[in-house]
């Protein structure tokens, strides 16, 4: 393959976006292992994603699974906005990248949610996987229900967002 064909194939590959969508209830076992739902595993396999990065969400009390390529994009975007010589910027970046765990699914599609992460997200046994486009959130089932908007609030928010001319 010539250099131009390779670059073209790389550009085409980069434009393929994952669509991780859905809301799936599950349980973790006594060791803290969970099965990644098959619908998400298929999307990740199609995108040749073998590893995931897990961290607690910055704003909400849930965990976020990033496919490794998405994590790398997020990390690069954050780094590009920060000055290495600014103490606060370094602290922000350090906290963002140090509070993660790299995951590889076992042969059965399982991964471990450490006790530390279970505490952070108030996960007991029942969990909910929520596909968010290019990431997957993991919620305690109880918290997931509590954080949902009421239907009329959701409708009004969508109406406001979508009626704004861009």
Protein backbone atom coordinates (compact mmCIF):
# COMPACT_ATOMS: atom_id res chain seq x y z
CA UNK A 1 0.00 0.00 0.00
CA UNK A 2 1.40 3.37 -1.02
CA UNK A 3 1.76 6.23 1.44
CA UNK A 4 -1.23 8.16 0.02
CA UNK A 5 -3.50 5.10 0.15
CA UNK A 6 -2.41 4.46 3.73
CA UNK A 7 -3.13 8.07 4.76
CA UNK A 8 -6.50 7.92 3.02
CA UNK A 9 -7.41 4.69 4.82
CA UNK A 10 -6.31 6.22 8.13
CA UNK A 11 -8.51 9.28 7.51
CA UNK A 12 -11.48 7.05 6.67
CA UNK A 13 -10.86 4.95 9.77
CA UNK A 14 -10.72 8.07 11.96
CA UNK A 15 -14.10 9.23 10.65
CA UNK A 16 -15.84 6.04 11.78
CA UNK A 17 -17.55 6.92 15.05
CA UNK A 18 -18.80 4.52 17.65
CA UNK A 19 -22.46 4.69 18.58
CA UNK A 20 -22.80 3.22 22.04
CA UNK A 21 -26.47 3.65 22.85
CA UNK A 22 -28.96 1.93 25.09
CA UNK A 23 -29.87 1.44 28.72
CA UNK A 24 -29.17 -2.02 30.11
CA UNK A 25 -29.70 -3.33 33.64
CA UNK A 26 -27.17 -5.77 35.08
CA UNK A 27 -25.63 -7.02 38.31
CA UNK A 28 -22.10 -7.28 39.63
CA UNK A 29 -20.99 -10.48 41.31
CA UNK A 30 -19.53 -10.74 44.82
CA UNK A 31 -16.02 -10.15 43.45
CA UNK A 32 -17.13 -6.92 41.76
CA UNK A 33 -17.15 -8.29 38.21
CA UNK A 34 -19.68 -7.19 35.62
CA UNK A 35 -20.45 -8.42 32.12
CA UNK A 36 -20.20 -5.67 29.54
CA UNK A 37 -23.50 -5.96 27.64
CA UNK A 38 -23.15 -7.76 24.31
CA UNK A 39 -24.57 -4.81 22.36
CA UNK A 40 -21.66 -2.65 23.59
CA UNK A 41 -19.08 -5.40 23.08
CA UNK A 42 -20.13 -5.74 19.43
CA UNK A 43 -19.72 -2.01 18.79
CA UNK A 44 -16.29 -2.00 20.46
CA UNK A 45 -15.18 -5.07 18.49
CA UNK A 46 -16.34 -3.50 15.20
CA UNK A 47 -14.21 -0.44 16.05
CA UNK A 48 -11.22 -2.67 16.96
CA UNK A 49 -11.24 -1.36 20.54
CA UNK A 50 -9.60 -3.86 22.89
CA UNK A 51 -9.09 -1.79 26.02
CA UNK A 52 -11.28 0.53 28.03
CA UNK A 53 -10.41 3.28 30.46
CA UNK A 54 -12.62 3.69 33.53
CA UNK A 55 -12.87 6.77 35.71
CA UNK A 56 -15.44 8.39 37.92
CA UNK A 57 -17.47 11.00 36.10
CA UNK A 58 -16.36 14.56 36.81
CA UNK A 59 -19.87 15.88 37.52
CA UNK A 60 -22.09 12.92 38.42
CA UNK A 61 -21.88 9.94 40.75
CA UNK A 62 -21.36 7.35 38.06
CA UNK A 63 -18.44 5.63 36.37
CA UNK A 64 -17.51 6.21 32.74
CA UNK A 65 -15.99 3.64 30.39
CA UNK A 66 -14.03 5.23 27.57
CA UNK A 67 -12.87 3.15 24.61
CA UNK A 68 -9.11 3.69 24.61
CA UNK A 69 -9.13 5.79 21.42
CA UNK A 70 -11.83 8.09 22.84
CA UNK A 71 -9.90 8.43 26.11
CA UNK A 72 -6.75 9.34 24.19
CA UNK A 73 -8.67 12.02 22.23
CA UNK A 74 -10.06 13.47 25.47
CA UNK A 75 -6.66 13.45 27.13
CA UNK A 76 -5.03 15.13 24.11
CA UNK A 77 -7.79 17.76 23.94
CA UNK A 78 -7.38 18.59 27.63
CA UNK A 79 -3.58 18.66 27.42
CA UNK A 80 -3.78 21.05 24.42
CA UNK A 81 -5.75 23.55 26.54
CA UNK A 82 -3.36 23.41 29.51
CA UNK A 83 -0.02 25.05 30.14
CA UNK A 84 2.59 22.63 31.54
CA UNK A 85 4.17 25.52 33.43
CA UNK A 86 0.97 26.48 35.25
CA UNK A 87 0.66 24.76 38.64
CA UNK A 88 -3.16 24.58 38.62
CA UNK A 89 -3.21 23.26 35.05
CA UNK A 90 -0.77 20.52 36.04
CA UNK A 91 -2.91 19.60 39.04
CA UNK A 92 -6.03 19.40 36.89
CA UNK A 93 -4.31 17.20 34.32
CA UNK A 94 -2.75 14.99 37.00
CA UNK A 95 -6.09 14.42 38.67
CA UNK A 96 -7.81 13.75 35.36
CA UNK A 97 -5.33 11.09 34.22
CA UNK A 98 -4.32 9.55 37.55
CA UNK A 99 -7.78 8.54 38.71
CA UNK A 100 -8.27 5.95 35.98
CA UNK A 101 -8.06 2.22 35.55
CA UNK A 102 -7.27 0.52 32.26
CA UNK A 103 -9.52 -2.47 31.62
CA UNK A 104 -9.36 -5.42 29.31
CA UNK A 105 -12.39 -7.69 29.12
CA UNK A 106 -11.81 -11.33 29.98
CA UNK A 107 -12.81 -14.11 27.58
CA UNK A 108 -16.39 -13.97 28.86
CA UNK A 109 -16.74 -10.19 28.44
CA UNK A 110 -16.33 -9.43 32.14
CA UNK A 111 -14.35 -6.70 33.85
CA UNK A 112 -13.70 -5.78 37.47
CA UNK A 113 -15.15 -2.73 39.20
CA UNK A 114 -12.77 -2.18 42.09
CA UNK A 115 -14.08 -1.60 45.61
CA UNK A 116 -12.80 1.98 45.41
CA UNK A 117 -14.90 2.67 42.32
CA UNK A 118 -17.89 0.84 43.79
CA UNK A 119 -17.77 3.21 46.77
CA UNK A 120 -17.35 6.31 44.58
CA UNK A 121 -20.44 5.45 42.53
CA UNK A 122 -22.44 3.95 45.42
CA UNK A 123 -22.67 0.66 43.53
CA UNK A 124 -23.95 -2.29 45.49
CA UNK A 125 -25.16 -5.06 43.19
CA UNK A 126 -27.69 -3.70 40.70
CA UNK A 127 -26.17 -1.50 38.01
CA UNK A 128 -27.29 0.21 34.86
CA UNK A 129 -25.16 0.64 31.74
CA UNK A 130 -26.06 3.74 29.74
CA UNK A 131 -24.61 4.23 26.26
CA UNK A 132 -23.64 7.86 25.76
CA UNK A 133 -22.52 7.80 22.13
CA UNK A 134 -18.77 7.30 22.45
CA UNK A 135 -18.67 6.34 26.15
CA UNK A 136 -20.62 4.09 28.52
CA UNK A 137 -21.79 5.20 31.95
CA UNK A 138 -22.20 2.72 34.80
CA UNK A 139 -24.71 3.76 37.43
CA UNK A 140 -25.96 2.31 40.65
CA UNK A 141 -29.53 1.40 39.63
CA UNK A 142 -30.88 3.42 42.53
CA UNK A 143 -28.94 6.58 41.62
CA UNK A 144 -29.76 6.25 37.92
CA UNK A 145 -33.47 6.50 38.67
CA UNK A 146 -33.01 9.47 41.01
CA UNK A 147 -31.06 11.52 38.46
CA UNK A 148 -33.53 11.19 35.57
CA UNK A 149 -35.37 14.34 34.51
CA UNK A 150 -39.15 14.34 34.68
CA UNK A 151 -40.72 13.89 31.21
CA UNK A 152 -42.03 17.47 31.04
CA UNK A 153 -38.63 18.90 32.11
CA UNK A 154 -36.87 16.73 29.54
CA UNK A 155 -39.28 17.80 26.79
CA UNK A 156 -38.82 21.47 27.62
CA UNK A 157 -35.03 21.14 27.71
CA UNK A 158 -34.93 19.36 24.32
CA UNK A 159 -37.29 21.95 22.84
CA UNK A 160 -35.09 24.80 24.06
CA UNK A 161 -31.87 23.17 22.86
CA UNK A 162 -33.17 22.21 19.45
CA UNK A 163 -34.99 25.47 18.73
CA UNK A 164 -31.84 27.55 19.04
CA UNK A 165 -30.63 28.55 15.59
CA UNK A 166 -27.03 27.74 14.92
